[in-house]
Amino acid sequence: MPTVTISGKYQVVIPKEIRKLLGLRKGQRMIVLVKDGVINLIPKKELSSMKGIFKGMDTRNLREETERL
């Protein structure tokens, strides 16, 4: 299990094997969540990287029908 050390500036370096596994790149932003004393770093994805993820999705019946008066 990889470990990290907190620097004097409170910085940590993500180990190379983890960066490679997750495809992290220099300058990438991370979301930081803390719950029950555990720190989670979640790679923030650019909106443009999600283009086309719903291609071919059936869009019928996505909304509830509203009663018209």
N, C-alpha and C. Protein backbone atom coordinates (compact mmCIF):
# COMPACT_ATOMS: atom_id res chain seq x y z
N MET A 1 0.84 -1.17 0.00
CA MET A 1 0.00 0.00 0.00
C MET A 1 0.89 1.23 0.00
N PRO A 2 0.73 2.10 -1.01
CA PRO A 2 1.56 3.31 -1.07
C PRO A 2 1.26 4.27 0.09
N THR A 3 2.28 4.96 0.53
CA THR A 3 2.11 5.97 1.58
C THR A 3 2.68 7.30 1.08
N VAL A 4 2.25 8.38 1.70
CA VAL A 4 2.75 9.71 1.36
C VAL A 4 3.18 10.42 2.64
N THR A 5 3.99 11.45 2.47
CA THR A 5 4.44 12.27 3.59
C THR A 5 3.97 13.69 3.38
N ILE A 6 3.49 14.32 4.44
CA ILE A 6 3.05 15.71 4.35
C ILE A 6 4.29 16.60 4.48
N SER A 7 4.47 17.51 3.50
CA SER A 7 5.64 18.40 3.51
C SER A 7 5.42 19.55 4.50
N GLY A 8 6.43 20.36 4.65
CA GLY A 8 6.34 21.54 5.52
C GLY A 8 5.29 22.53 5.06
N LYS A 9 4.93 22.47 3.78
CA LYS A 9 3.88 23.34 3.22
C LYS A 9 2.53 22.61 3.17
N TYR A 10 2.43 21.50 3.88
CA TYR A 10 1.21 20.67 3.92
C TYR A 10 0.83 20.14 2.55
N GLN A 11 1.82 19.78 1.75
CA GLN A 11 1.59 19.20 0.44
C GLN A 11 1.91 17.72 0.47
N VAL A 12 1.22 16.96 -0.40
CA VAL A 12 1.52 15.55 -0.55
C VAL A 12 1.72 15.26 -2.03
N VAL A 13 2.53 14.26 -2.33
CA VAL A 13 2.76 13.83 -3.71
C VAL A 13 2.03 12.51 -3.89
N ILE A 14 1.17 12.46 -4.91
CA ILE A 14 0.46 11.21 -5.21
C ILE A 14 1.46 10.27 -5.88
N PRO A 15 1.63 9.06 -5.35
CA PRO A 15 2.61 8.14 -5.91
C PRO A 15 2.38 7.89 -7.40
N LYS A 16 3.48 7.68 -8.13
CA LYS A 16 3.44 7.50 -9.58
C LYS A 16 2.50 6.38 -10.00
N GLU A 17 2.52 5.26 -9.28
CA GLU A 17 1.65 4.14 -9.66
C GLU A 17 0.17 4.51 -9.58
N ILE A 18 -0.19 5.35 -8.63
CA ILE A 18 -1.58 5.79 -8.48
C ILE A 18 -1.93 6.80 -9.58
N ARG A 19 -1.00 7.73 -9.84
CA ARG A 19 -1.23 8.72 -10.92
C ARG A 19 -1.45 8.02 -12.24
N LYS A 20 -0.63 7.02 -12.51
CA LYS A 20 -0.72 6.28 -13.77
C LYS A 20 -2.03 5.48 -13.84
N LEU A 21 -2.38 4.82 -12.75
CA LEU A 21 -3.60 4.02 -12.68
C LEU A 21 -4.85 4.87 -12.95
N LEU A 22 -4.87 6.09 -12.40
CA LEU A 22 -6.04 6.96 -12.54
C LEU A 22 -5.95 7.93 -13.71
N GLY A 23 -4.80 7.95 -14.38
CA GLY A 23 -4.63 8.86 -15.51
C GLY A 23 -4.58 10.32 -15.10
N LEU A 24 -4.02 10.59 -13.91
CA LEU A 24 -3.91 11.97 -13.43
C LEU A 24 -2.82 12.70 -14.19
N ARG A 25 -3.01 14.00 -14.35
CA ARG A 25 -2.01 14.80 -15.07
C ARG A 25 -1.67 16.07 -14.29
N LYS A 26 -0.55 16.64 -14.61
CA LYS A 26 -0.06 17.84 -13.95
C LYS A 26 -1.09 18.96 -14.07
N GLY A 27 -1.37 19.63 -12.97
CA GLY A 27 -2.29 20.77 -12.96
C GLY A 27 -3.76 20.38 -12.85
N GLN A 28 -4.05 19.09 -12.83
CA GLN A 28 -5.44 18.65 -12.73
C GLN A 28 -6.01 19.02 -11.37
N ARG A 29 -7.24 19.44 -11.35
CA ARG A 29 -7.90 19.81 -10.10
C ARG A 29 -8.50 18.58 -9.43
N MET A 30 -8.56 18.62 -8.10
CA MET A 30 -9.12 17.53 -7.32
C MET A 30 -10.17 18.10 -6.37
N ILE A 31 -11.22 17.34 -6.15
CA ILE A 31 -12.23 17.69 -5.16
C ILE A 31 -11.81 17.00 -3.87
N VAL A 32 -11.86 17.73 -2.76
CA VAL A 32 -11.45 17.17 -1.46
C VAL A 32 -12.68 17.01 -0.58
N LEU A 33 -12.93 15.79 -0.15
CA LEU A 33 -14.04 15.50 0.76
C LEU A 33 -13.48 14.89 2.03
N VAL A 34 -14.04 15.29 3.16
CA VAL A 34 -13.62 14.72 4.44
C VAL A 34 -14.87 14.16 5.12
N LYS A 35 -14.80 12.90 5.51
CA LYS A 35 -15.92 12.28 6.21
C LYS A 35 -15.37 11.28 7.22
N ASP A 36 -15.81 11.42 8.43
CA ASP A 36 -15.39 10.51 9.52
C ASP A 36 -13.88 10.39 9.61
N GLY A 37 -13.16 11.50 9.45
CA GLY A 37 -11.72 11.50 9.59
C GLY A 37 -10.95 10.95 8.41
N VAL A 38 -11.63 10.70 7.29
CA VAL A 38 -10.98 10.17 6.09
C VAL A 38 -11.00 11.24 5.00
N ILE A 39 -9.85 11.48 4.38
CA ILE A 39 -9.71 12.45 3.30
C ILE A 39 -9.84 11.71 1.97
N ASN A 40 -10.75 12.18 1.12
CA ASN A 40 -10.93 11.60 -0.21
C ASN A 40 -10.57 12.64 -1.25
N LEU A 41 -9.71 12.30 -2.19
CA LEU A 41 -9.37 13.17 -3.31
C LEU A 41 -10.03 12.60 -4.55
N ILE A 42 -10.88 13.39 -5.19
CA ILE A 42 -11.61 12.93 -6.36
C ILE A 42 -11.21 13.78 -7.55
N PRO A 43 -10.68 13.15 -8.61
CA PRO A 43 -10.28 13.92 -9.80
C PRO A 43 -11.49 14.64 -10.38
N LYS A 44 -11.34 15.94 -10.60
CA LYS A 44 -12.41 16.74 -11.18
C LYS A 44 -12.31 16.62 -12.69
N LYS A 45 -13.40 16.24 -13.34
CA LYS A 45 -13.40 16.08 -14.78
C LYS A 45 -13.97 17.32 -15.44
N GLU A 46 -13.35 17.70 -16.55
CA GLU A 46 -13.84 18.83 -17.32
C GLU A 46 -15.15 18.42 -18.01
N LEU A 47 -16.05 19.35 -18.13
CA LEU A 47 -17.33 19.09 -18.77
C LEU A 47 -17.14 18.59 -20.20
N SER A 48 -16.15 19.12 -20.90
CA SER A 48 -15.90 18.72 -22.28
C SER A 48 -15.49 17.25 -22.40
N SER A 49 -14.92 16.69 -21.33
CA SER A 49 -14.50 15.29 -21.38
C SER A 49 -15.69 14.33 -21.31
N MET A 50 -16.86 14.87 -20.95
CA MET A 50 -18.05 14.04 -20.84
C MET A 50 -18.92 14.08 -22.10
N LYS A 51 -18.45 14.77 -23.12
CA LYS A 51 -19.21 14.89 -24.36
C LYS A 51 -19.47 13.50 -24.95
N GLY A 52 -20.75 13.23 -25.24
CA GLY A 52 -21.12 11.99 -25.88
C GLY A 52 -21.37 10.81 -24.95
N ILE A 53 -21.31 10.99 -23.63
CA ILE A 53 -21.47 9.84 -22.74
C ILE A 53 -22.90 9.29 -22.75
N PHE A 54 -23.87 10.10 -23.19
CA PHE A 54 -25.25 9.64 -23.24
C PHE A 54 -25.71 9.34 -24.66
N LYS A 55 -24.78 9.21 -25.57
CA LYS A 55 -25.11 8.94 -26.97
C LYS A 55 -25.92 7.65 -27.07
N GLY A 56 -27.04 7.74 -27.78
CA GLY A 56 -27.88 6.57 -27.97
C GLY A 56 -28.88 6.32 -26.85
N MET A 57 -28.90 7.18 -25.84
CA MET A 57 -29.81 7.00 -24.72
C MET A 57 -31.24 7.28 -25.16
N ASP A 58 -32.17 6.46 -24.71
CA ASP A 58 -33.59 6.65 -25.01
C ASP A 58 -34.10 7.79 -24.13
N THR A 59 -34.48 8.90 -24.74
CA THR A 59 -34.89 10.08 -23.98
C THR A 59 -36.40 10.16 -23.78
N ARG A 60 -37.12 9.17 -24.27
CA ARG A 60 -38.57 9.16 -24.06
C ARG A 60 -38.86 8.82 -22.60
N ASN A 61 -39.91 9.40 -22.08
CA ASN A 61 -40.39 9.15 -20.71
C ASN A 61 -39.39 9.53 -19.62
N LEU A 62 -38.58 10.55 -19.87
CA LEU A 62 -37.64 11.00 -18.84
C LEU A 62 -38.35 11.90 -17.82
N ARG A 63 -39.36 12.58 -18.24
CA ARG A 63 -40.09 13.50 -17.35
C ARG A 63 -41.46 12.93 -17.04
N GLU A 64 -41.92 13.28 -15.85
CA GLU A 64 -43.27 12.87 -15.48
C GLU A 64 -44.27 13.70 -16.28
N GLU A 65 -45.33 13.06 -16.68
CA GLU A 65 -46.39 13.78 -17.37
C GLU A 65 -47.11 14.65 -16.35
N THR A 66 -47.36 15.91 -16.71
CA THR A 66 -48.08 16.80 -15.83
C THR A 66 -49.52 16.89 -16.30
N GLU A 67 -50.40 16.99 -15.35
CA GLU A 67 -51.82 17.08 -15.67
C GLU A 67 -52.13 18.48 -16.18
N ARG A 68 -52.72 18.54 -17.34
CA ARG A 68 -53.07 19.84 -17.93
C ARG A 68 -54.51 20.19 -17.56
N LEU A 69 -54.71 21.43 -17.17
CA LEU A 69 -56.05 21.89 -16.79
C LEU A 69 -56.81 22.40 -17.97
